[in-house]
Amino acid sequence: AKPPKMNLLALSVQFFAEPKIVGYISKNNF
């Protein structure tokens, strides 16, 4: 998430790393 929707987890992770969503997986694949 980007501002202003960032929570503590987003702030923490984005402080250390650049996150990127690669793809979504349906629950049917598990």
PDB file of all heavy atoms in Angstrom:
ATOM      1  N   ALA A   1       0.827  -1.216   0.000  1.00  0.00           N
ATOM      2  CA  ALA A   1       0.000   0.000   0.000  1.00  0.00           C
ATOM      3  C   ALA A   1       0.860   1.263   0.000  1.00  0.00           C
ATOM      4  O   ALA A   1       1.991   1.280   0.487  1.00  0.00           O
ATOM      5  CB  ALA A   1      -0.914  -0.003   1.218  1.00  0.00           C
ATOM      6  N   LYS A   2       0.303   2.312  -0.570  1.00  0.00           N
ATOM      7  CA  LYS A   2       0.962   3.617  -0.618  1.00  0.00           C
ATOM      8  C   LYS A   2       0.208   4.604   0.271  1.00  0.00           C
ATOM      9  O   LYS A   2      -0.943   4.375   0.625  1.00  0.00           O
ATOM     10  CB  LYS A   2       1.004   4.128  -2.056  1.00  0.00           C
ATOM     11  CG  LYS A   2       1.739   3.203  -3.016  1.00  0.00           C
ATOM     12  CD  LYS A   2       3.206   3.035  -2.623  1.00  0.00           C
ATOM     13  CE  LYS A   2       3.943   2.121  -3.607  1.00  0.00           C
ATOM     14  NZ  LYS A   2       5.345   1.877  -3.170  1.00  0.00           N
ATOM     15  N   PRO A   3       0.874   5.707   0.649  1.00  0.00           N
ATOM     16  CA  PRO A   3       0.185   6.722   1.455  1.00  0.00           C
ATOM     17  C   PRO A   3      -1.084   7.190   0.745  1.00  0.00           C
ATOM     18  O   PRO A   3      -1.077   7.295  -0.493  1.00  0.00           O
ATOM     19  CB  PRO A   3       1.212   7.849   1.545  1.00  0.00           C
ATOM     20  CG  PRO A   3       2.534   7.184   1.304  1.00  0.00           C
ATOM     21  CD  PRO A   3       2.253   6.056   0.355  1.00  0.00           C
ATOM     22  N   PRO A   4      -2.184   7.448   1.454  1.00  0.00           N
ATOM     23  CA  PRO A   4      -2.297   7.454   2.922  1.00  0.00           C
ATOM     24  C   PRO A   4      -2.818   6.136   3.496  1.00  0.00           C
ATOM     25  O   PRO A   4      -3.275   6.106   4.628  1.00  0.00           O
ATOM     26  CB  PRO A   4      -3.310   8.562   3.142  1.00  0.00           C
ATOM     27  CG  PRO A   4      -4.242   8.418   1.972  1.00  0.00           C
ATOM     28  CD  PRO A   4      -3.388   7.993   0.803  1.00  0.00           C
ATOM     29  N   LYS A   5      -2.753   5.058   2.716  1.00  0.00           N
ATOM     30  CA  LYS A   5      -3.342   3.792   3.146  1.00  0.00           C
ATOM     31  C   LYS A   5      -2.344   2.853   3.825  1.00  0.00           C
ATOM     32  O   LYS A   5      -2.666   1.712   4.124  1.00  0.00           O
ATOM     33  CB  LYS A   5      -3.961   3.078   1.941  1.00  0.00           C
ATOM     34  CG  LYS A   5      -5.124   3.848   1.301  1.00  0.00           C
ATOM     35  CD  LYS A   5      -5.719   3.068   0.158  1.00  0.00           C
ATOM     36  CE  LYS A   5      -6.908   3.819  -0.453  1.00  0.00           C
ATOM     37  NZ  LYS A   5      -7.518   3.068  -1.569  1.00  0.00           N
ATOM     38  N   MET A   6      -1.147   3.331   4.083  1.00  0.00           N
ATOM     39  CA  MET A   6      -0.126   2.476   4.684  1.00  0.00           C
ATOM     40  C   MET A   6      -0.382   2.240   6.167  1.00  0.00           C
ATOM     41  O   MET A   6      -0.718   3.165   6.898  1.00  0.00           O
ATOM     42  CB  MET A   6       1.255   3.105   4.495  1.00  0.00           C
ATOM     43  CG  MET A   6       1.676   3.211   3.048  1.00  0.00           C
ATOM     44  SD  MET A   6       3.251   4.085   2.869  1.00  0.00           S
ATOM     45  CE  MET A   6       4.395   2.826   3.448  1.00  0.00           C
ATOM     46  N   ASN A   7      -0.221   0.967   6.583  1.00  0.00           N
ATOM     47  CA  ASN A   7      -0.298   0.650   8.009  1.00  0.00           C
ATOM     48  C   ASN A   7       1.117   0.387   8.520  1.00  0.00           C
ATOM     49  O   ASN A   7       2.104   0.566   7.800  1.00  0.00           O
ATOM     50  CB  ASN A   7      -1.234  -0.535   8.254  1.00  0.00           C
ATOM     51  CG  ASN A   7      -0.733  -1.816   7.600  1.00  0.00           C
ATOM     52  OD1 ASN A   7       0.347  -1.862   6.993  1.00  0.00           O
ATOM     53  ND2 ASN A   7      -1.503  -2.877   7.709  1.00  0.00           N
ATOM     54  N   LEU A   8       1.233  -0.065   9.758  1.00  0.00           N
ATOM     55  CA  LEU A   8       2.543  -0.281  10.362  1.00  0.00           C
ATOM     56  C   LEU A   8       3.347  -1.349   9.622  1.00  0.00           C
ATOM     57  O   LEU A   8       4.566  -1.219   9.452  1.00  0.00           O
ATOM     58  CB  LEU A   8       2.375  -0.662  11.839  1.00  0.00           C
ATOM     59  CG  LEU A   8       3.665  -0.780  12.655  1.00  0.00           C
ATOM     60  CD1 LEU A   8       4.422   0.539  12.650  1.00  0.00           C
ATOM     61  CD2 LEU A   8       3.345  -1.196  14.089  1.00  0.00           C
ATOM     62  N   LEU A   9       2.664  -2.400   9.162  1.00  0.00           N
ATOM     63  CA  LEU A   9       3.357  -3.464   8.440  1.00  0.00           C
ATOM     64  C   LEU A   9       3.950  -2.924   7.141  1.00  0.00           C
ATOM     65  O   LEU A   9       5.106  -3.215   6.806  1.00  0.00           O
ATOM     66  CB  LEU A   9       2.396  -4.618   8.146  1.00  0.00           C
ATOM     67  CG  LEU A   9       2.981  -5.798   7.354  1.00  0.00           C
ATOM     68  CD1 LEU A   9       4.151  -6.429   8.089  1.00  0.00           C
ATOM     69  CD2 LEU A   9       1.892  -6.853   7.083  1.00  0.00           C
ATOM     70  N   ALA A  10       3.175  -2.144   6.415  1.00  0.00           N
ATOM     71  CA  ALA A  10       3.659  -1.562   5.162  1.00  0.00           C
ATOM     72  C   ALA A  10       4.845  -0.640   5.409  1.00  0.00           C
ATOM     73  O   ALA A  10       5.847  -0.679   4.691  1.00  0.00           O
ATOM     74  CB  ALA A  10       2.536  -0.801   4.470  1.00  0.00           C
ATOM     75  N   LEU A  11       4.739   0.192   6.429  1.00  0.00           N
ATOM     76  CA  LEU A  11       5.830   1.112   6.761  1.00  0.00           C
ATOM     77  C   LEU A  11       7.101   0.342   7.103  1.00  0.00           C
ATOM     78  O   LEU A  11       8.199   0.699   6.665  1.00  0.00           O
ATOM     79  CB  LEU A  11       5.425   2.001   7.931  1.00  0.00           C
ATOM     80  CG  LEU A  11       4.402   3.099   7.625  1.00  0.00           C
ATOM     81  CD1 LEU A  11       3.861   3.690   8.928  1.00  0.00           C
ATOM     82  CD2 LEU A  11       5.020   4.190   6.757  1.00  0.00           C
ATOM     83  N   SER A  12       6.941  -0.725   7.881  1.00  0.00           N
ATOM     84  CA  SER A  12       8.087  -1.519   8.310  1.00  0.00           C
ATOM     85  C   SER A  12       8.754  -2.216   7.130  1.00  0.00           C
ATOM     86  O   SER A  12       9.975  -2.128   6.949  1.00  0.00           O
ATOM     87  CB  SER A  12       7.638  -2.555   9.347  1.00  0.00           C
ATOM     88  OG  SER A  12       8.696  -3.408   9.696  1.00  0.00           O
ATOM     89  N   VAL A  13       7.966  -2.902   6.318  1.00  0.00           N
ATOM     90  CA  VAL A  13       8.524  -3.638   5.183  1.00  0.00           C
ATOM     91  C   VAL A  13       9.146  -2.680   4.175  1.00  0.00           C
ATOM     92  O   VAL A  13      10.265  -2.897   3.677  1.00  0.00           O
ATOM     93  CB  VAL A  13       7.448  -4.511   4.512  1.00  0.00           C
ATOM     94  CG1 VAL A  13       7.986  -5.106   3.209  1.00  0.00           C
ATOM     95  CG2 VAL A  13       7.000  -5.628   5.444  1.00  0.00           C
ATOM     96  N   GLN A  14       8.456  -1.584   3.866  1.00  0.00           N
ATOM     97  CA  GLN A  14       8.947  -0.652   2.855  1.00  0.00           C
ATOM     98  C   GLN A  14      10.144   0.162   3.340  1.00  0.00           C
ATOM     99  O   GLN A  14      10.861   0.772   2.537  1.00  0.00           O
ATOM    100  CB  GLN A  14       7.814   0.253   2.387  1.00  0.00           C
ATOM    101  CG  GLN A  14       6.763  -0.509   1.588  1.00  0.00           C
ATOM    102  CD  GLN A  14       5.669   0.378   1.038  1.00  0.00           C
ATOM    103  OE1 GLN A  14       5.907   1.519   0.634  1.00  0.00           O
ATOM    104  NE2 GLN A  14       4.439  -0.143   1.011  1.00  0.00           N
ATOM    105  N   PHE A  15      10.386   0.185   4.637  1.00  0.00           N
ATOM    106  CA  PHE A  15      11.606   0.795   5.153  1.00  0.00           C
ATOM    107  C   PHE A  15      12.821  -0.036   4.733  1.00  0.00           C
ATOM    108  O   PHE A  15      13.870   0.506   4.373  1.00  0.00           O
ATOM    109  CB  PHE A  15      11.552   0.885   6.684  1.00  0.00           C
ATOM    110  CG  PHE A  15      12.803   1.434   7.314  1.00  0.00           C
ATOM    111  CD1 PHE A  15      13.015   2.806   7.382  1.00  0.00           C
ATOM    112  CD2 PHE A  15      13.776   0.582   7.828  1.00  0.00           C
ATOM    113  CE1 PHE A  15      14.183   3.318   7.957  1.00  0.00           C
ATOM    114  CE2 PHE A  15      14.936   1.079   8.402  1.00  0.00           C
ATOM    115  CZ  PHE A  15      15.136   2.456   8.469  1.00  0.00           C
ATOM    116  N   PHE A  16      12.658  -1.353   4.752  1.00  0.00           N
ATOM    117  CA  PHE A  16      13.768  -2.259   4.463  1.00  0.00           C
ATOM    118  C   PHE A  16      13.845  -2.713   3.008  1.00  0.00           C
ATOM    119  O   PHE A  16      14.927  -3.087   2.535  1.00  0.00           O
ATOM    120  CB  PHE A  16      13.664  -3.504   5.349  1.00  0.00           C
ATOM    121  CG  PHE A  16      13.926  -3.259   6.800  1.00  0.00           C
ATOM    122  CD1 PHE A  16      12.870  -3.162   7.696  1.00  0.00           C
ATOM    123  CD2 PHE A  16      15.219  -3.127   7.282  1.00  0.00           C
ATOM    124  CE1 PHE A  16      13.104  -2.948   9.048  1.00  0.00           C
ATOM    125  CE2 PHE A  16      15.468  -2.906   8.629  1.00  0.00           C
ATOM    126  CZ  PHE A  16      14.407  -2.806   9.525  1.00  0.00           C
ATOM    127  N   ALA A  17      12.721  -2.743   2.307  1.00  0.00           N
ATOM    128  CA  ALA A  17      12.710  -3.363   0.982  1.00  0.00           C
ATOM    129  C   ALA A  17      11.692  -2.716   0.056  1.00  0.00           C
ATOM    130  O   ALA A  17      10.786  -2.006   0.493  1.00  0.00           O
ATOM    131  CB  ALA A  17      12.397  -4.857   1.123  1.00  0.00           C
ATOM    132  N   GLU A  18      11.863  -3.003  -1.227  1.00  0.00           N
ATOM    133  CA  GLU A  18      10.894  -2.576  -2.251  1.00  0.00           C
ATOM    134  C   GLU A  18       9.979  -3.763  -2.538  1.00  0.00           C
ATOM    135  O   GLU A  18      10.427  -4.776  -3.075  1.00  0.00           O
ATOM    136  CB  GLU A  18      11.615  -2.155  -3.534  1.00  0.00           C
ATOM    137  CG  GLU A  18      12.561  -0.980  -3.386  1.00  0.00           C
ATOM    138  CD  GLU A  18      11.833   0.334  -3.189  1.00  0.00           C
ATOM    139  OE1 GLU A  18      10.600   0.380  -3.418  1.00  0.00           O
ATOM    140  OE2 GLU A  18      12.485   1.324  -2.807  1.00  0.00           O
ATOM    141  N   PRO A  19       8.696  -3.671  -2.164  1.00  0.00           N
ATOM    142  CA  PRO A  19       7.787  -4.802  -2.401  1.00  0.00           C
ATOM    143  C   PRO A  19       7.098  -4.726  -3.764  1.00  0.00           C
ATOM    144  O   PRO A  19       6.794  -3.633  -4.255  1.00  0.00           O
ATOM    145  CB  PRO A  19       6.764  -4.645  -1.272  1.00  0.00           C
ATOM    146  CG  PRO A  19       6.689  -3.163  -1.052  1.00  0.00           C
ATOM    147  CD  PRO A  19       8.047  -2.604  -1.380  1.00  0.00           C
ATOM    148  N   LYS A  20       6.872  -5.878  -4.352  1.00  0.00           N
ATOM    149  CA  LYS A  20       6.177  -5.934  -5.640  1.00  0.00           C
ATOM    150  C   LYS A  20       5.325  -7.194  -5.699  1.00  0.00           C
ATOM    151  O   LYS A  20       5.806  -8.298  -5.397  1.00  0.00           O
ATOM    152  CB  LYS A  20       7.183  -5.946  -6.796  1.00  0.00           C
ATOM    153  CG  LYS A  20       6.538  -6.058  -8.170  1.00  0.00           C
ATOM    154  CD  LYS A  20       7.586  -6.151  -9.258  1.00  0.00           C
ATOM    155  CE  LYS A  20       6.944  -6.318 -10.631  1.00  0.00           C
ATOM    156  NZ  LYS A  20       7.968  -6.486 -11.705  1.00  0.00           N
ATOM    157  N   ILE A  21       4.075  -7.037  -6.056  1.00  0.00           N
ATOM    158  CA  ILE A  21       3.190  -8.197  -6.242  1.00  0.00           C
ATOM    159  C   ILE A  21       3.471  -8.811  -7.610  1.00  0.00           C
ATOM    160  O   ILE A  21       3.386  -8.131  -8.636  1.00  0.00           O
ATOM    161  CB  ILE A  21       1.715  -7.794  -6.107  1.00  0.00           C
ATOM    162  CG1 ILE A  21       1.393  -7.480  -4.625  1.00  0.00           C
ATOM    163  CG2 ILE A  21       0.802  -8.911  -6.618  1.00  0.00           C
ATOM    164  CD1 ILE A  21      -0.012  -6.992  -4.385  1.00  0.00           C
ATOM    165  N   VAL A  22       3.823 -10.090  -7.606  1.00  0.00           N
ATOM    166  CA  VAL A  22       4.160 -10.799  -8.845  1.00  0.00           C
ATOM    167  C   VAL A  22       2.909 -11.402  -9.481  1.00  0.00           C
ATOM    168  O   VAL A  22       2.758 -11.420 -10.705  1.00  0.00           O
ATOM    169  CB  VAL A  22       5.201 -11.898  -8.564  1.00  0.00           C
ATOM    170  CG1 VAL A  22       5.473 -12.733  -9.824  1.00  0.00           C
ATOM    171  CG2 VAL A  22       6.486 -11.284  -8.036  1.00  0.00           C
ATOM    172  N   GLY A  23       2.010 -11.910  -8.642  1.00  0.00           N
ATOM    173  CA  GLY A  23       0.796 -12.516  -9.174  1.00  0.00           C
ATOM    174  C   GLY A  23      -0.086 -13.037  -8.052  1.00  0.00           C
ATOM    175  O   GLY A  23       0.359 -13.201  -6.917  1.00  0.00           O
ATOM    176  N   TYR A  24      -1.345 -13.264  -8.396  1.00  0.00           N
ATOM    177  CA  TYR A  24      -2.316 -13.756  -7.420  1.00  0.00           C
ATOM    178  C   TYR A  24      -2.567 -15.248  -7.649  1.00  0.00           C
ATOM    179  O   TYR A  24      -2.500 -15.739  -8.777  1.00  0.00           O
ATOM    180  CB  TYR A  24      -3.624 -12.979  -7.530  1.00  0.00           C
ATOM    181  CG  TYR A  24      -3.475 -11.512  -7.170  1.00  0.00           C
ATOM    182  CD1 TYR A  24      -3.433 -10.539  -8.151  1.00  0.00           C
ATOM    183  CD2 TYR A  24      -3.345 -11.118  -5.840  1.00  0.00           C
ATOM    184  CE1 TYR A  24      -3.280  -9.196  -7.828  1.00  0.00           C
ATOM    185  CE2 TYR A  24      -3.195  -9.777  -5.500  1.00  0.00           C
ATOM    186  CZ  TYR A  24      -3.163  -8.823  -6.498  1.00  0.00           C
ATOM    187  OH  TYR A  24      -2.990  -7.499  -6.169  1.00  0.00           O
ATOM    188  N   ILE A  25      -2.861 -15.957  -6.553  1.00  0.00           N
ATOM    189  CA  ILE A  25      -3.079 -17.395  -6.609  1.00  0.00           C
ATOM    190  C   ILE A  25      -4.432 -17.723  -5.976  1.00  0.00           C
ATOM    191  O   ILE A  25      -4.660 -17.430  -4.795  1.00  0.00           O
ATOM    192  CB  ILE A  25      -1.984 -18.163  -5.846  1.00  0.00           C
ATOM    193  CG1 ILE A  25      -0.588 -17.723  -6.285  1.00  0.00           C
ATOM    194  CG2 ILE A  25      -2.153 -19.668  -6.046  1.00  0.00           C
ATOM    195  CD1 ILE A  25       0.513 -18.309  -5.426  1.00  0.00           C
ATOM    196  N   SER A  26      -5.292 -18.340  -6.747  1.00  0.00           N
ATOM    197  CA  SER A  26      -6.585 -18.757  -6.213  1.00  0.00           C
ATOM    198  C   SER A  26      -6.398 -19.834  -5.144  1.00  0.00           C
ATOM    199  O   SER A  26      -5.489 -20.665  -5.234  1.00  0.00           O
ATOM    200  CB  SER A  26      -7.463 -19.303  -7.345  1.00  0.00           C
ATOM    201  OG  SER A  26      -8.569 -20.023  -6.826  1.00  0.00           O
ATOM    202  N   LYS A  27      -7.276 -19.811  -4.159  1.00  0.00           N
ATOM    203  CA  LYS A  27      -7.221 -20.825  -3.099  1.00  0.00           C
ATOM    204  C   LYS A  27      -7.408 -22.236  -3.629  1.00  0.00           C
ATOM    205  O   LYS A  27      -7.031 -23.211  -2.973  1.00  0.00           O
ATOM    206  CB  LYS A  27      -8.271 -20.527  -2.026  1.00  0.00           C
ATOM    207  CG  LYS A  27      -9.687 -20.349  -2.523  1.00  0.00           C
ATOM    208  CD  LYS A  27     -10.611 -20.015  -1.371  1.00  0.00           C
ATOM    209  CE  LYS A  27     -12.001 -19.578  -1.823  1.00  0.00           C
ATOM    210  NZ  LYS A  27     -11.995 -18.199  -2.350  1.00  0.00           N
ATOM    211  N   ASN A  28      -7.943 -22.370  -4.840  1.00  0.00           N
ATOM    212  CA  ASN A  28      -8.169 -23.693  -5.434  1.00  0.00           C
ATOM    213  C   ASN A  28      -6.871 -24.405  -5.812  1.00  0.00           C
ATOM    214  O   ASN A  28      -6.880 -25.590  -6.158  1.00  0.00           O
ATOM    215  CB  ASN A  28      -9.050 -23.567  -6.677  1.00  0.00           C
ATOM    216  CG  ASN A  28     -10.434 -23.037  -6.349  1.00  0.00           C
ATOM    217  OD1 ASN A  28     -10.999 -23.388  -5.315  1.00  0.00           O
ATOM    218  ND2 ASN A  28     -10.978 -22.194  -7.205  1.00  0.00           N
ATOM    219  N   ASN A  29      -5.739 -23.684  -5.765  1.00  0.00           N
ATOM    220  CA  ASN A  29      -4.450 -24.273  -6.137  1.00  0.00           C
ATOM    221  C   ASN A  29      -3.720 -24.893  -4.955  1.00  0.00           C
ATOM    222  O   ASN A  29      -2.572 -25.300  -5.083  1.00  0.00           O
ATOM    223  CB  ASN A  29      -3.567 -23.198  -6.780  1.00  0.00           C
ATOM    224  CG  ASN A  29      -4.104 -22.749  -8.122  1.00  0.00           C
ATOM    225  OD1 ASN A  29      -4.092 -23.506  -9.091  1.00  0.00           O
ATOM    226  ND2 ASN A  29      -4.590 -21.522  -8.193  1.00  0.00           N
ATOM    227  N   PHE A  30      -4.368 -24.936  -3.795  1.00  0.00           N
ATOM    228  CA  PHE A  30      -3.752 -25.479  -2.592  1.00  0.00           C
ATOM    229  C   PHE A  30      -4.519 -26.696  -2.100  1.00  0.00           C
ATOM    230  O   PHE A  30      -5.714 -26.824  -2.325  1.00  0.00           O
ATOM    231  CB  PHE A  30      -3.738 -24.426  -1.469  1.00  0.00           C
ATOM    232  CG  PHE A  30      -2.857 -23.237  -1.743  1.00  0.00           C
ATOM    233  CD1 PHE A  30      -3.337 -22.135  -2.435  1.00  0.00           C
ATOM    234  CD2 PHE A  30      -1.543 -23.213  -1.291  1.00  0.00           C
ATOM    235  CE1 PHE A  30      -2.538 -21.034  -2.675  1.00  0.00           C
ATOM    236  CE2 PHE A  30      -0.737 -22.111  -1.523  1.00  0.00           C
ATOM    237  CZ  PHE A  30      -1.232 -21.025  -2.214  1.00  0.00           C
TER     238      PHE A  30
END
